[in-house]
Amino acid sequence: MATLLDYCSLVRSKNAGPFTLTFDFMCHDEQAYQALVATGFLNRQLFAGLYDTDPEKILLVNHPLACAVKVSLPRPTVQGNLHDTDCYAGQQYAPLMDMDVTPV
């Protein structure tokens, strides 16, 4: 089984303003980046299912020169809301870490 850490040296989530959650996947090198993108693992349907949002509202951008993938989507709860359990969105990447990264 392969995980994101087999491809990435950095996986993080954070706020991109109070209404947007963003994820950064920075690969070890160009070969790891190409292999990760080829799996199709990072896709709108994955994030829509995990974060209960419309796939059409998800922005997924591949950055080949940076060997990175960026994903942005509406925050499940507005930052600072009474029901916001992760004010800085720094833990939102956690559900992705143990998933099997297999070609779709």
Protein backbone atom coordinates (compact mmCIF):
# COMPACT_ATOMS: atom_id res chain seq x y z
CA MET A 1 0.00 0.00 0.00
CA ALA A 2 1.25 3.48 -0.89
CA THR A 3 0.29 6.60 1.04
CA LEU A 4 0.71 10.30 0.32
CA LEU A 5 3.99 10.30 2.24
CA ASP A 6 5.44 7.94 -0.35
CA TYR A 7 5.02 10.78 -2.86
CA CYS A 8 5.05 13.95 -0.78
CA SER A 9 7.55 15.58 1.55
CA LEU A 10 4.85 17.98 2.78
CA VAL A 11 1.10 17.58 3.09
CA ARG A 12 -0.77 20.38 4.82
CA SER A 13 -4.13 22.04 5.15
CA LYS A 14 -4.83 25.61 6.14
CA ASN A 15 -7.27 28.46 5.80
CA ALA A 16 -7.34 30.53 2.66
CA GLY A 17 -9.57 33.09 4.32
CA PRO A 18 -12.49 32.41 6.66
CA PHE A 19 -14.57 30.64 4.01
CA THR A 20 -11.99 28.56 2.14
CA LEU A 21 -9.93 25.50 3.06
CA THR A 22 -6.81 24.74 1.05
CA PHE A 23 -4.51 21.72 0.85
CA ASP A 24 -0.92 21.62 -0.40
CA PHE A 25 0.73 18.42 -1.59
CA MET A 26 4.44 19.02 -2.24
CA CYS A 27 6.17 16.05 -3.80
CA HIS A 28 9.69 14.77 -3.14
CA ASP A 29 10.75 15.36 -6.74
CA GLU A 30 9.47 15.49 -10.30
CA GLN A 31 9.27 11.69 -10.57
CA ALA A 32 7.13 11.47 -7.41
CA TYR A 33 4.95 14.34 -8.66
CA GLN A 34 4.35 12.65 -12.01
CA ALA A 35 3.56 9.35 -10.29
CA LEU A 36 1.11 10.96 -7.85
CA VAL A 37 -0.71 12.86 -10.57
CA ALA A 38 -0.86 9.68 -12.69
CA THR A 39 -2.70 7.82 -9.90
CA GLY A 40 -5.64 10.21 -10.15
CA PHE A 41 -5.99 9.93 -6.37
CA LEU A 42 -6.23 13.67 -5.77
CA ASN A 43 -9.53 14.45 -7.45
CA ARG A 44 -12.62 16.55 -6.84
CA GLN A 45 -14.79 13.56 -5.96
CA LEU A 46 -12.43 12.50 -3.16
CA PHE A 47 -12.55 15.93 -1.52
CA ALA A 48 -16.29 16.36 -2.13
CA GLY A 49 -16.94 13.11 -0.29
CA LEU A 50 -14.58 13.78 2.60
CA TYR A 51 -15.62 17.40 3.16
CA ASP A 52 -19.28 17.19 2.10
CA THR A 53 -19.17 19.79 -0.64
CA ASP A 54 -20.14 20.13 -4.28
CA PRO A 55 -17.34 18.90 -6.59
CA GLU A 56 -18.00 21.91 -8.83
CA LYS A 57 -16.90 24.22 -5.99
CA ILE A 58 -13.50 22.53 -5.67
CA LEU A 59 -10.44 24.01 -7.34
CA LEU A 60 -7.69 21.48 -8.06
CA VAL A 61 -4.49 22.86 -9.58
CA ASN A 62 -1.42 20.91 -10.63
CA HIS A 63 1.84 22.87 -10.42
CA PRO A 64 4.39 20.80 -12.37
CA LEU A 65 7.24 23.31 -12.00
CA ALA A 66 6.79 23.25 -8.21
CA CYS A 67 6.11 19.48 -8.13
CA ALA A 68 2.97 20.29 -6.16
CA VAL A 69 -0.80 19.98 -6.20
CA LYS A 70 -3.11 22.51 -4.55
CA VAL A 71 -6.75 21.86 -3.71
CA SER A 72 -9.13 24.54 -2.43
CA LEU A 73 -12.75 24.17 -1.36
CA PRO A 74 -15.36 25.86 0.80
CA ARG A 75 -14.72 25.33 4.51
CA PRO A 76 -17.27 22.94 6.06
CA THR A 77 -17.81 25.58 8.78
CA VAL A 78 -16.90 29.25 8.60
CA GLN A 79 -13.70 29.97 10.54
CA GLY A 80 -14.48 30.94 14.11
CA ASN A 81 -18.06 29.67 14.02
CA LEU A 82 -19.31 28.14 17.26
CA HIS A 83 -19.16 24.69 15.57
CA ASP A 84 -15.67 25.20 14.11
CA THR A 85 -13.44 22.54 15.68
CA ASP A 86 -10.28 23.49 13.73
CA CYS A 87 -9.99 27.28 13.63
CA TYR A 88 -6.79 27.30 11.55
CA ALA A 89 -7.78 24.26 9.44
CA GLY A 90 -4.38 22.77 10.20
CA GLN A 91 -5.73 19.28 10.91
CA GLN A 92 -8.06 18.88 7.93
CA TYR A 93 -5.51 16.88 5.94
CA ALA A 94 -5.50 14.04 8.51
CA PRO A 95 -8.18 11.82 6.89
CA LEU A 96 -6.08 11.65 3.73
CA MET A 97 -2.89 10.40 5.35
CA ASP A 98 -3.73 6.73 5.84
CA MET A 99 -5.63 6.29 2.59
CA ASP A 100 -4.29 3.94 -0.05
CA VAL A 101 -3.07 5.98 -3.00
CA THR A 102 -3.97 3.72 -5.89
CA PRO A 103 -4.69 4.56 -9.52
CA VAL A 104 -8.32 5.45 -10.17
